[in-house]
Structure formats: C-alpha cells, structure tokens
C-alpha cells in the first residue's frame, strides 16, 4: 500500500533495522566480529529501507565511531535514536543522519520503556527540534500511545512521532483487539493532524502485520531485537524478507 508522507511523495511503510544487538555481540568479545558496519550494508542489500542505531553514553553497544562509519556507508536512511543531551546533539548535528528519534532514556537504562511527556517538556523539545531542523535533519519524537502526547508533539514542530509499541506487544498474543484498541486514539490523532507516524519496540513476526493493517499510514517501523532473534534461526536475509512481506 502506497501512502503520502509528510513531504508529499508516495512511500511504503519502511523497515528500519536496529543493529544495536549486533554491536552488543561484537563488544562481548572485543575485536570486530561481527562487523557492525558490514552487517548494516548487508541488511540494506537484503531489502531493509533503513538502519537504526541508539548510541548510549556508556557505549555498551553502538559506539560513537560506529555512527560516523555508518553515516559514510548507509545508502538508505540512517536513523539515530537517543536522549538529546549536549553530547548526543553534537554528534547528530555533526553527521546529519536522515532522521533523529528523540528518546527520554536515562543513562543506565536497559532499554527504552516510555515516551516523552511532550506537554511537560514542550519548550525543551521545541528548542531541540529547531536545532535539528537547522541541520536539515528529520525529527521524530518517541511517545506513549496517548493522543494528548501526540497533540503536544505537533506543537514542538517535529516531523513525526514514534509510538512506543512495548505495551502493544505485551498483550497482543493474549488479546489482539485490545492491543490495537489501546493504540487507535493516538494513531488516528497523528493521522488527523498530518503528523508522520513511526512505530517501534518489540514488534515481531507475530504482531507486525496486524499493526500495519490497523494503521496503514505508519511511515516506518524500527525493529531490532526480534529481527536478530529470528535471524538466529532463519538467517538475516530470510528474516528481512519475512518482515518486508508482512509490510507489503
């Protein structure tokens, strides 16, 4: 299904592969196996329409040097996620990825588990969005599935929101309709406001198709952990093809 993006061109829902877990495996032994940058290039070769990384201050997976290397190698879209600290903003305004996704992570947080309170942090986020737009970077703000948070995200000037889909994945297997109903108000609010919508966190081969069918205007899904887990059994090429087929 083809849809109009916030810039007016026709696009399909894109699959951006988050390669943090590949970096985690590399860092566990030192050296450069697996090769994170080569893995990203191969994901593109196998059909991924974007690469996502989330460099954290402790560099426990993706390192700053990886982000610089990926900028020079990724030929689709590079999406860099992170908490907009001074150090993070210096990094992304230097390399200018296609998209920056603002995530309210604490430094030691294991994984992202909540979105921004865009009402409370409105003025701060406005400043960050303006700074990134000055560097011609598309901005997405990570939010919980709350239409109020979507409305206030729009006021920041952001191009997109990314709906945090952790709660969706938690209850989907037991009650798919309830899981989708939780997200409908926020997803429809984003669509109504003309705000681009991404989605990410714990989407997988079981729950992705239903989400896409319920909200066909989703511009991009960012998936990492599930893709790497599936690739242990299917191989990364076959895994990417399976996800792309669901998005078609």
Protein backbone atom coordinates (compact mmCIF):
# COMPACT_ATOMS: atom_id res chain seq x y z
CA UNK A 1 0.00 0.00 0.00
CA UNK A 2 1.39 3.40 -1.00
CA UNK A 3 0.79 6.45 1.15
CA UNK A 4 1.66 10.13 1.11
CA UNK A 5 4.37 11.12 3.56
CA UNK A 6 4.62 14.46 5.34
CA UNK A 7 6.66 15.72 2.38
CA UNK A 8 4.03 14.72 -0.18
CA UNK A 9 5.84 11.91 -2.01
CA UNK A 10 4.38 8.42 -2.23
CA UNK A 11 6.06 5.90 0.06
CA UNK A 12 5.52 2.48 1.56
CA UNK A 13 5.92 1.62 5.23
CA UNK A 14 9.67 1.30 5.58
CA UNK A 15 11.57 -1.29 7.60
CA UNK A 16 14.49 0.16 9.54
CA UNK A 17 16.69 -2.50 11.13
CA UNK A 18 18.07 -1.60 14.54
CA UNK A 19 21.57 -3.11 14.76
CA UNK A 20 22.31 -2.41 18.43
CA UNK A 21 22.25 -6.13 19.29
CA UNK A 22 24.90 -6.84 16.67
CA UNK A 23 27.14 -4.31 18.37
CA UNK A 24 26.39 -5.91 21.75
CA UNK A 25 27.63 -9.25 20.41
CA UNK A 26 30.77 -7.67 18.99
CA UNK A 27 31.56 -5.86 22.22
CA UNK A 28 31.15 -9.05 24.28
CA UNK A 29 34.40 -10.45 22.85
CA UNK A 30 36.27 -7.41 21.63
CA UNK A 31 37.65 -7.20 18.12
CA UNK A 32 35.36 -6.64 15.17
CA UNK A 33 33.27 -9.81 14.91
CA UNK A 34 30.56 -9.43 13.90
CA UNK A 35 31.37 -6.42 11.75
CA UNK A 36 28.60 -3.93 12.59
CA UNK A 37 29.09 -1.73 9.55
CA UNK A 38 29.20 -4.69 7.15
CA UNK A 39 26.06 -6.08 8.76
CA UNK A 40 24.26 -2.78 8.14
CA UNK A 41 25.29 -2.77 4.48
CA UNK A 42 24.13 -6.37 4.10
CA UNK A 43 20.75 -5.53 5.68
CA UNK A 44 20.30 -2.88 3.01
CA UNK A 45 21.38 -5.33 0.34
CA UNK A 46 18.72 -7.77 1.58
CA UNK A 47 15.98 -5.13 1.35
CA UNK A 48 15.98 -3.06 4.56
CA UNK A 49 14.99 0.51 3.80
CA UNK A 50 16.82 2.00 6.76
CA UNK A 51 19.29 1.37 9.58
CA UNK A 52 18.65 2.44 13.17
CA UNK A 53 21.21 2.84 15.97
CA UNK A 54 20.86 4.06 19.53
CA UNK A 55 24.26 5.14 20.89
CA UNK A 56 24.19 5.37 24.66
CA UNK A 57 26.69 7.26 26.83
CA UNK A 58 28.35 4.07 28.10
CA UNK A 59 28.76 2.75 24.52
CA UNK A 60 27.67 -0.69 25.65
CA UNK A 61 26.60 -1.49 22.11
CA UNK A 62 26.79 1.17 19.39
CA UNK A 63 29.83 3.40 19.74
CA UNK A 64 30.27 6.96 18.53
CA UNK A 65 32.81 5.75 15.96
CA UNK A 66 30.19 3.33 14.61
CA UNK A 67 27.80 6.20 13.95
CA UNK A 68 30.44 8.05 11.94
CA UNK A 69 31.26 4.92 9.96
CA UNK A 70 27.61 4.16 9.29
CA UNK A 71 26.95 7.69 8.04
CA UNK A 72 29.50 7.12 5.28
CA UNK A 73 28.22 3.64 4.40
CA UNK A 74 24.43 3.59 4.76
CA UNK A 75 22.78 4.37 1.42
CA UNK A 76 19.12 4.20 2.51
CA UNK A 77 18.16 6.12 5.67
CA UNK A 78 20.16 6.35 8.87
CA UNK A 79 18.03 6.86 11.98
CA UNK A 80 19.90 7.76 15.17
CA UNK A 81 17.96 7.43 18.42
CA UNK A 82 18.89 8.94 21.73
CA UNK A 83 18.33 11.29 24.63
CA UNK A 84 19.10 14.82 23.39
CA UNK A 85 21.99 15.60 25.71
CA UNK A 86 24.61 18.12 24.59
CA UNK A 87 26.93 15.27 23.60
CA UNK A 88 24.23 13.49 21.59
CA UNK A 89 23.17 16.67 19.80
CA UNK A 90 26.79 17.47 18.96
CA UNK A 91 27.13 14.00 17.40
CA UNK A 92 24.00 14.08 15.27
CA UNK A 93 24.38 17.68 14.10
CA UNK A 94 27.90 16.77 13.00
CA UNK A 95 26.99 13.66 11.00
CA UNK A 96 23.49 14.78 9.92
CA UNK A 97 21.62 11.46 9.63
CA UNK A 98 18.34 11.27 7.74
CA UNK A 99 16.38 11.14 10.98
CA UNK A 100 16.93 11.64 14.68
CA UNK A 101 14.47 10.00 17.07
CA UNK A 102 14.36 11.71 20.46
CA UNK A 103 14.04 9.18 23.29
CA UNK A 104 13.89 10.08 27.02
CA UNK A 105 16.34 7.45 28.21
CA UNK A 106 18.21 7.58 31.49
CA UNK A 107 21.96 6.91 31.04
CA UNK A 108 21.88 3.44 32.60
CA UNK A 109 18.52 2.34 31.26
CA UNK A 110 18.49 -1.21 29.85
CA UNK A 111 16.14 -0.37 27.00
CA UNK A 112 13.63 2.31 26.09
CA UNK A 113 10.44 1.80 28.11
CA UNK A 114 8.44 5.03 27.91
CA UNK A 115 7.87 8.03 25.72
CA UNK A 116 8.22 11.76 26.27
CA UNK A 117 5.76 13.78 28.28
CA UNK A 118 5.54 16.27 25.42
CA UNK A 119 3.29 18.63 27.37
CA UNK A 120 5.69 18.92 30.30
CA UNK A 121 8.80 19.16 28.11
CA UNK A 122 7.26 21.22 25.32
CA UNK A 123 9.66 24.16 25.40
CA UNK A 124 12.74 21.95 25.73
CA UNK A 125 11.66 19.78 22.81
CA UNK A 126 10.86 22.84 20.68
CA UNK A 127 14.44 24.01 21.12
CA UNK A 128 15.86 20.61 20.22
CA UNK A 129 13.64 20.25 17.15
CA UNK A 130 14.64 23.72 15.95
CA UNK A 131 18.31 22.88 16.38
CA UNK A 132 17.97 19.64 14.39
CA UNK A 133 15.90 21.27 11.68
CA UNK A 134 18.63 23.90 11.31
CA UNK A 135 20.89 20.99 10.35
CA UNK A 136 18.24 19.70 7.92
CA UNK A 137 17.55 16.57 9.95
CA UNK A 138 14.09 14.97 10.07
CA UNK A 139 12.90 14.64 13.66
CA UNK A 140 10.74 12.01 15.32
CA UNK A 141 9.69 12.09 18.98
CA UNK A 142 9.18 8.84 20.89
CA UNK A 143 5.79 8.96 22.64
CA UNK A 144 3.42 6.68 24.51
CA UNK A 145 0.12 5.85 22.76
CA UNK A 146 -1.67 8.90 24.17
CA UNK A 147 -3.39 11.35 21.80
CA UNK A 148 -2.57 14.24 24.15
CA UNK A 149 1.14 13.43 23.85
CA UNK A 150 0.72 13.35 20.06
CA UNK A 151 -1.00 16.76 20.06
CA UNK A 152 1.75 18.37 22.12
CA UNK A 153 4.39 16.70 19.96
CA UNK A 154 2.94 18.53 16.98
CA UNK A 155 3.44 21.83 18.84
CA UNK A 156 7.19 21.17 19.05
CA UNK A 157 7.43 21.32 15.27
CA UNK A 158 8.53 17.69 14.96
CA UNK A 159 8.06 15.91 11.63
CA UNK A 160 6.97 12.62 13.14
CA UNK A 161 6.16 10.76 16.31
CA UNK A 162 7.22 7.20 17.03
CA UNK A 163 4.64 5.28 19.01
CA UNK A 164 6.21 3.14 21.74
CA UNK A 165 4.78 -0.31 21.00
CA UNK A 166 6.06 -2.19 24.04
CA UNK A 167 2.59 -2.38 25.69
CA UNK A 168 1.06 -3.45 22.36
CA UNK A 169 3.46 -6.38 22.11
CA UNK A 170 2.94 -7.37 25.75
CA UNK A 171 -0.77 -8.05 25.37
CA UNK A 172 -1.09 -8.81 21.66
CA UNK A 173 -0.79 -12.61 21.89
CA UNK A 174 -3.49 -12.79 24.56
CA UNK A 175 -5.85 -10.13 23.20
CA UNK A 176 -5.03 -8.65 19.76
CA UNK A 177 -8.14 -6.47 19.60
CA UNK A 178 -7.44 -4.91 22.99
CA UNK A 179 -3.84 -4.29 21.97
CA UNK A 180 -4.90 -2.46 18.81
CA UNK A 181 -7.64 -0.53 20.62
CA UNK A 182 -5.02 0.89 23.01
CA UNK A 183 -3.22 2.48 20.07
CA UNK A 184 -6.09 3.61 17.88
CA UNK A 185 -6.73 7.03 19.52
CA UNK A 186 -3.08 8.10 19.31
CA UNK A 187 -2.52 6.67 15.84
CA UNK A 188 -5.66 8.29 14.48
CA UNK A 189 -4.77 11.59 16.14
CA UNK A 190 -1.38 11.61 14.40
CA UNK A 191 -3.08 10.86 11.08
CA UNK A 192 -5.73 13.54 11.66
CA UNK A 193 -3.07 16.15 12.45
CA UNK A 194 -1.00 15.25 9.41
CA UNK A 195 1.90 14.21 11.63
CA UNK A 196 4.12 11.43 10.31
CA UNK A 197 3.92 8.27 12.40
CA UNK A 198 6.61 5.69 13.08
CA UNK A 199 6.38 2.72 15.43
CA UNK A 200 8.87 0.65 17.34
CA UNK A 201 9.72 -1.61 20.27
CA UNK A 202 9.02 -5.36 20.43
CA UNK A 203 7.28 -5.54 17.06
CA UNK A 204 7.82 -9.00 15.61
CA UNK A 205 6.63 -11.55 13.06
CA UNK A 206 3.52 -12.33 15.15
CA UNK A 207 2.22 -8.84 15.77
CA UNK A 208 3.55 -6.60 12.99
CA UNK A 209 1.01 -7.42 10.29
CA UNK A 210 -1.99 -6.59 12.46
CA UNK A 211 -0.48 -3.25 13.46
CA UNK A 212 0.24 -2.32 9.84
CA UNK A 213 -3.25 -3.35 8.72
CA UNK A 214 -4.90 -1.36 11.53
CA UNK A 215 -2.79 1.76 10.89
CA UNK A 216 -1.72 1.66 7.24
CA UNK A 217 -0.36 5.21 7.40
CA UNK A 218 2.59 4.17 9.55
CA UNK A 219 5.63 5.54 7.72
CA UNK A 220 8.35 3.41 9.31
CA UNK A 221 8.84 0.61 11.79
CA UNK A 222 12.13 0.24 13.62
CA UNK A 223 12.84 -3.34 14.71
CA UNK A 224 16.00 -4.77 16.21
CA UNK A 225 15.78 -7.35 18.98
CA UNK A 226 13.17 -9.52 17.26
CA UNK A 227 14.95 -9.42 13.90
CA UNK A 228 18.24 -10.54 15.43
CA UNK A 229 16.48 -13.32 17.38
CA UNK A 230 14.68 -14.53 14.25
CA UNK A 231 17.93 -14.38 12.28
CA UNK A 232 19.46 -16.98 14.61
CA UNK A 233 17.05 -19.49 13.06
CA UNK A 234 16.25 -18.07 9.63
CA UNK A 235 19.38 -16.12 8.71
CA UNK A 236 19.32 -12.36 8.32
CA UNK A 237 18.44 -12.33 4.61
CA UNK A 238 15.39 -14.55 5.03
CA UNK A 239 14.36 -12.70 8.20
CA UNK A 240 14.35 -9.32 6.48
CA UNK A 241 12.31 -10.77 3.62
CA UNK A 242 9.76 -12.14 6.10
CA UNK A 243 9.32 -8.72 7.70
CA UNK A 244 9.10 -6.95 4.37
CA UNK A 245 6.42 -9.38 3.24
CA UNK A 246 4.31 -8.51 6.28
CA UNK A 247 4.66 -4.81 5.50
CA UNK A 248 3.54 -5.34 1.91
